[in-house]
Amino acid sequence: MAEASNNPGADTDTFVPWREFLKSNYAPSLALVCLAVWLHAADSLVVATMLPQLLRK
C-alpha cells in the first residue's frame, strides 16, 4: 500500500475556503448534489407524514 506522502494528490492538510470552492468548476456539481439530498429528504418527510393517514383509510 502506498503512503500518502508518496501521492502528490493526497494532501489532506490544505485548507480550501468555501468561496474558492464555489467559484471553481465544481460549483454546479455541488449544487446538484445538495439539491438531490434536499429532494430526497423532503420526499421522505412527506411520505412519513402522510403514511399513517393513508394506512387508516
PDB file of N, CA and C in Angstrom:
ATOM      1  N   MET A   1       0.843  -1.174   0.000  1.00  0.00           N
ATOM      2  CA  MET A   1       0.000   0.000   0.000  1.00  0.00           C
ATOM      3  C   MET A   1       0.887   1.237   0.000  1.00  0.00           C
ATOM      4  N   ALA A   2       0.605   2.182  -0.860  1.00  0.00           N
ATOM      5  CA  ALA A   2       1.422   3.387  -0.968  1.00  0.00           C
ATOM      6  C   ALA A   2       1.090   4.349   0.167  1.00  0.00           C
ATOM      7  N   GLU A   3       2.100   5.032   0.640  1.00  0.00           N
ATOM      8  CA  GLU A   3       1.886   6.009   1.698  1.00  0.00           C
ATOM      9  C   GLU A   3       1.322   7.294   1.103  1.00  0.00           C
ATOM     10  N   ALA A   4       0.640   8.085   1.935  1.00  0.00           N
ATOM     11  CA  ALA A   4       0.048   9.330   1.468  1.00  0.00           C
ATOM     12  C   ALA A   4       1.111  10.342   1.059  1.00  0.00           C
ATOM     13  N   SER A   5       2.299  10.260   1.666  1.00  0.00           N
ATOM     14  CA  SER A   5       3.353  11.216   1.337  1.00  0.00           C
ATOM     15  C   SER A   5       3.900  10.981  -0.070  1.00  0.00           C
ATOM     16  N   ASN A   6       3.739   9.765  -0.599  1.00  0.00           N
ATOM     17  CA  ASN A   6       4.206   9.469  -1.944  1.00  0.00           C
ATOM     18  C   ASN A   6       3.213   9.902  -3.009  1.00  0.00           C
ATOM     19  N   ASN A   7       1.973  10.168  -2.621  1.00  0.00           N
ATOM     20  CA  ASN A   7       0.940  10.554  -3.561  1.00  0.00           C
ATOM     21  C   ASN A   7       0.776  12.068  -3.526  1.00  0.00           C
ATOM     22  N   PRO A   8       1.137  12.794  -4.590  1.00  0.00           N
ATOM     23  CA  PRO A   8       1.046  14.252  -4.560  1.00  0.00           C
ATOM     24  C   PRO A   8      -0.386  14.766  -4.477  1.00  0.00           C
ATOM     25  N   GLY A   9      -1.377  13.978  -4.855  1.00  0.00           N
ATOM     26  CA  GLY A   9      -2.758  14.424  -4.795  1.00  0.00           C
ATOM     27  C   GLY A   9      -3.432  14.142  -3.472  1.00  0.00           C
ATOM     28  N   ALA A  10      -2.727  13.578  -2.511  1.00  0.00           N
ATOM     29  CA  ALA A  10      -3.329  13.184  -1.244  1.00  0.00           C
ATOM     30  C   ALA A  10      -3.007  14.161  -0.116  1.00  0.00           C
ATOM     31  N   ASP A  11      -2.849  15.425  -0.420  1.00  0.00           N
ATOM     32  CA  ASP A  11      -2.558  16.430   0.608  1.00  0.00           C
ATOM     33  C   ASP A  11      -3.850  16.764   1.339  1.00  0.00           C
ATOM     34  N   THR A  12      -4.009  16.246   2.547  1.00  0.00           N
ATOM     35  CA  THR A  12      -5.241  16.455   3.306  1.00  0.00           C
ATOM     36  C   THR A  12      -5.139  17.611   4.292  1.00  0.00           C
ATOM     37  N   ASP A  13      -3.965  18.227   4.410  1.00  0.00           N
ATOM     38  CA  ASP A  13      -3.788  19.324   5.357  1.00  0.00           C
ATOM     39  C   ASP A  13      -4.035  20.695   4.730  1.00  0.00           C
ATOM     40  N   THR A  14      -4.361  20.754   3.459  1.00  0.00           N
ATOM     41  CA  THR A  14      -4.573  22.020   2.779  1.00  0.00           C
ATOM     42  C   THR A  14      -5.982  22.521   3.044  1.00  0.00           C
ATOM     43  N   PHE A  15      -6.094  23.756   3.511  1.00  0.00           N
ATOM     44  CA  PHE A  15      -7.400  24.365   3.764  1.00  0.00           C
ATOM     45  C   PHE A  15      -7.869  25.072   2.499  1.00  0.00           C
ATOM     46  N   VAL A  16      -9.079  24.770   2.073  1.00  0.00           N
ATOM     47  CA  VAL A  16      -9.676  25.428   0.906  1.00  0.00           C
ATOM     48  C   VAL A  16     -10.939  26.121   1.380  1.00  0.00           C
ATOM     49  N   PRO A  17     -10.992  27.446   1.287  1.00  0.00           N
ATOM     50  CA  PRO A  17     -12.202  28.147   1.737  1.00  0.00           C
ATOM     51  C   PRO A  17     -13.383  27.874   0.798  1.00  0.00           C
ATOM     52  N   TRP A  18     -14.600  27.995   1.342  1.00  0.00           N
ATOM     53  CA  TRP A  18     -15.794  27.747   0.539  1.00  0.00           C
ATOM     54  C   TRP A  18     -15.864  28.685  -0.656  1.00  0.00           C
ATOM     55  N   ARG A  19     -15.434  29.921  -0.488  1.00  0.00           N
ATOM     56  CA  ARG A  19     -15.509  30.894  -1.578  1.00  0.00           C
ATOM     57  C   ARG A  19     -14.719  30.414  -2.794  1.00  0.00           C
ATOM     58  N   GLU A  20     -13.538  29.884  -2.551  1.00  0.00           N
ATOM     59  CA  GLU A  20     -12.719  29.379  -3.651  1.00  0.00           C
ATOM     60  C   GLU A  20     -13.354  28.135  -4.271  1.00  0.00           C
ATOM     61  N   PHE A  21     -13.935  27.291  -3.437  1.00  0.00           N
ATOM     62  CA  PHE A  21     -14.564  26.074  -3.937  1.00  0.00           C
ATOM     63  C   PHE A  21     -15.797  26.399  -4.777  1.00  0.00           C
ATOM     64  N   LEU A  22     -16.608  27.372  -4.333  1.00  0.00           N
ATOM     65  CA  LEU A  22     -17.826  27.719  -5.049  1.00  0.00           C
ATOM     66  C   LEU A  22     -17.549  28.455  -6.354  1.00  0.00           C
ATOM     67  N   LYS A  23     -16.394  29.070  -6.478  1.00  0.00           N
ATOM     68  CA  LYS A  23     -16.030  29.748  -7.720  1.00  0.00           C
ATOM     69  C   LYS A  23     -15.357  28.804  -8.708  1.00  0.00           C
ATOM     70  N   SER A  24     -15.124  27.561  -8.312  1.00  0.00           N
ATOM     71  CA  SER A  24     -14.439  26.608  -9.184  1.00  0.00           C
ATOM     72  C   SER A  24     -15.439  25.948 -10.133  1.00  0.00           C
ATOM     73  N   ASN A  25     -14.937  25.027 -10.902  1.00  0.00           N
ATOM     74  CA  ASN A  25     -15.783  24.286 -11.833  1.00  0.00           C
ATOM     75  C   ASN A  25     -16.685  23.286 -11.130  1.00  0.00           C
ATOM     76  N   TYR A  26     -16.476  23.079  -9.830  1.00  0.00           N
ATOM     77  CA  TYR A  26     -17.266  22.111  -9.082  1.00  0.00           C
ATOM     78  C   TYR A  26     -18.560  22.700  -8.519  1.00  0.00           C
ATOM     79  N   ALA A  27     -18.794  23.967  -8.657  1.00  0.00           N
ATOM     80  CA  ALA A  27     -19.985  24.592  -8.086  1.00  0.00           C
ATOM     81  C   ALA A  27     -21.284  24.005  -8.637  1.00  0.00           C
ATOM     82  N   PRO A  28     -21.429  23.804  -9.946  1.00  0.00           N
ATOM     83  CA  PRO A  28     -22.674  23.187 -10.427  1.00  0.00           C
ATOM     84  C   PRO A  28     -22.874  21.767  -9.898  1.00  0.00           C
ATOM     85  N   SER A  29     -21.806  21.012  -9.789  1.00  0.00           N
ATOM     86  CA  SER A  29     -21.918  19.649  -9.253  1.00  0.00           C
ATOM     87  C   SER A  29     -22.323  19.679  -7.787  1.00  0.00           C
ATOM     88  N   LEU A  30     -21.745  20.600  -7.024  1.00  0.00           N
ATOM     89  CA  LEU A  30     -22.109  20.739  -5.619  1.00  0.00           C
ATOM     90  C   LEU A  30     -23.578  21.125  -5.477  1.00  0.00           C
ATOM     91  N   ALA A  31     -24.044  22.046  -6.306  1.00  0.00           N
ATOM     92  CA  ALA A  31     -25.444  22.463  -6.255  1.00  0.00           C
ATOM     93  C   ALA A  31     -26.374  21.301  -6.594  1.00  0.00           C
ATOM     94  N   LEU A  32     -25.994  20.496  -7.569  1.00  0.00           N
ATOM     95  CA  LEU A  32     -26.816  19.352  -7.952  1.00  0.00           C
ATOM     96  C   LEU A  32     -26.879  18.316  -6.837  1.00  0.00           C
ATOM     97  N   VAL A  33     -25.770  18.036  -6.193  1.00  0.00           N
ATOM     98  CA  VAL A  33     -25.754  17.068  -5.091  1.00  0.00           C
ATOM     99  C   VAL A  33     -26.573  17.599  -3.915  1.00  0.00           C
ATOM    100  N   CYS A  34     -26.424  18.878  -3.591  1.00  0.00           N
ATOM    101  CA  CYS A  34     -27.210  19.463  -2.490  1.00  0.00           C
ATOM    102  C   CYS A  34     -28.700  19.421  -2.798  1.00  0.00           C
ATOM    103  N   LEU A  35     -29.073  19.710  -4.030  1.00  0.00           N
ATOM    104  CA  LEU A  35     -30.475  19.664  -4.422  1.00  0.00           C
ATOM    105  C   LEU A  35     -31.014  18.240  -4.339  1.00  0.00           C
ATOM    106  N   ALA A  36     -30.223  17.274  -4.752  1.00  0.00           N
ATOM    107  CA  ALA A  36     -30.662  15.880  -4.705  1.00  0.00           C
ATOM    108  C   ALA A  36     -30.853  15.411  -3.269  1.00  0.00           C
ATOM    109  N   VAL A  37     -29.952  15.779  -2.391  1.00  0.00           N
ATOM    110  CA  VAL A  37     -30.083  15.393  -0.976  1.00  0.00           C
ATOM    111  C   VAL A  37     -31.318  16.055  -0.363  1.00  0.00           C
ATOM    112  N   TRP A  38     -31.527  17.324  -0.665  1.00  0.00           N
ATOM    113  CA  TRP A  38     -32.690  18.034  -0.138  1.00  0.00           C
ATOM    114  C   TRP A  38     -33.983  17.418  -0.667  1.00  0.00           C
ATOM    115  N   LEU A  39     -34.020  17.085  -1.947  1.00  0.00           N
ATOM    116  CA  LEU A  39     -35.211  16.486  -2.541  1.00  0.00           C
ATOM    117  C   LEU A  39     -35.529  15.138  -1.905  1.00  0.00           C
ATOM    118  N   HIS A  40     -34.527  14.344  -1.671  1.00  0.00           N
ATOM    119  CA  HIS A  40     -34.734  13.041  -1.028  1.00  0.00           C
ATOM    120  C   HIS A  40     -35.267  13.222   0.396  1.00  0.00           C
ATOM    121  N   ALA A  41     -34.705  14.173   1.131  1.00  0.00           N
ATOM    122  CA  ALA A  41     -35.154  14.418   2.500  1.00  0.00           C
ATOM    123  C   ALA A  41     -36.590  14.944   2.515  1.00  0.00           C
ATOM    124  N   ALA A  42     -36.919  15.841   1.603  1.00  0.00           N
ATOM    125  CA  ALA A  42     -38.270  16.383   1.552  1.00  0.00           C
ATOM    126  C   ALA A  42     -39.278  15.303   1.173  1.00  0.00           C
ATOM    127  N   ASP A  43     -38.914  14.446   0.237  1.00  0.00           N
ATOM    128  CA  ASP A  43     -39.793  13.357  -0.165  1.00  0.00           C
ATOM    129  C   ASP A  43     -40.027  12.395   0.996  1.00  0.00           C
ATOM    130  N   SER A  44     -38.983  12.078   1.720  1.00  0.00           N
ATOM    131  CA  SER A  44     -39.115  11.177   2.874  1.00  0.00           C
ATOM    132  C   SER A  44     -39.993  11.800   3.952  1.00  0.00           C
ATOM    133  N   LEU A  45     -39.872  13.090   4.160  1.00  0.00           N
ATOM    134  CA  LEU A  45     -40.694  13.773   5.154  1.00  0.00           C
ATOM    135  C   LEU A  45     -42.161  13.745   4.761  1.00  0.00           C
ATOM    136  N   VAL A  46     -42.452  13.989   3.503  1.00  0.00           N
ATOM    137  CA  VAL A  46     -43.840  13.974   3.035  1.00  0.00           C
ATOM    138  C   VAL A  46     -44.433  12.576   3.170  1.00  0.00           C
ATOM    139  N   VAL A  47     -43.692  11.577   2.771  1.00  0.00           N
ATOM    140  CA  VAL A  47     -44.192  10.199   2.873  1.00  0.00           C
ATOM    141  C   VAL A  47     -44.402   9.811   4.333  1.00  0.00           C
ATOM    142  N   ALA A  48     -43.454  10.129   5.188  1.00  0.00           N
ATOM    143  CA  ALA A  48     -43.584   9.779   6.600  1.00  0.00           C
ATOM    144  C   ALA A  48     -44.742  10.520   7.264  1.00  0.00           C
ATOM    145  N   THR A  49     -45.058  11.692   6.787  1.00  0.00           N
ATOM    146  CA  THR A  49     -46.168  12.456   7.348  1.00  0.00           C
ATOM    147  C   THR A  49     -47.510  11.923   6.864  1.00  0.00           C
ATOM    148  N   MET A  50     -47.589  11.534   5.607  1.00  0.00           N
ATOM    149  CA  MET A  50     -48.860  11.101   5.028  1.00  0.00           C
ATOM    150  C   MET A  50     -49.170   9.625   5.262  1.00  0.00           C
ATOM    151  N   LEU A  51     -48.163   8.799   5.470  1.00  0.00           N
ATOM    152  CA  LEU A  51     -48.362   7.357   5.529  1.00  0.00           C
ATOM    153  C   LEU A  51     -49.324   6.909   6.625  1.00  0.00           C
ATOM    154  N   PRO A  52     -49.252   7.413   7.848  1.00  0.00           N
ATOM    155  CA  PRO A  52     -50.221   6.952   8.866  1.00  0.00           C
ATOM    156  C   PRO A  52     -51.671   7.240   8.468  1.00  0.00           C
ATOM    157  N   GLN A  53     -51.927   8.388   7.869  1.00  0.00           N
ATOM    158  CA  GLN A  53     -53.273   8.731   7.460  1.00  0.00           C
ATOM    159  C   GLN A  53     -53.730   7.840   6.298  1.00  0.00           C
ATOM    160  N   LEU A  54     -52.826   7.544   5.387  1.00  0.00           N
ATOM    161  CA  LEU A  54     -53.201   6.684   4.249  1.00  0.00           C
ATOM    162  C   LEU A  54     -53.475   5.257   4.695  1.00  0.00           C
ATOM    163  N   LEU A  55     -52.768   4.778   5.693  1.00  0.00           N
ATOM    164  CA  LEU A  55     -52.969   3.405   6.171  1.00  0.00           C
ATOM    165  C   LEU A  55     -54.267   3.263   6.968  1.00  0.00           C
ATOM    166  N   ARG A  56     -54.745   4.347   7.557  1.00  0.00           N
ATOM    167  CA  ARG A  56     -56.022   4.302   8.305  1.00  0.00           C
ATOM    168  C   ARG A  56     -57.200   4.142   7.384  1.00  0.00           C
ATOM    169  N   LYS A  57     -57.090   4.650   6.171  1.00  0.00           N
ATOM    170  CA  LYS A  57     -58.255   4.623   5.240  1.00  0.00           C
ATOM    171  C   LYS A  57     -58.429   3.285   4.602  1.00  0.00           C
TER     172      LYS A  57
END
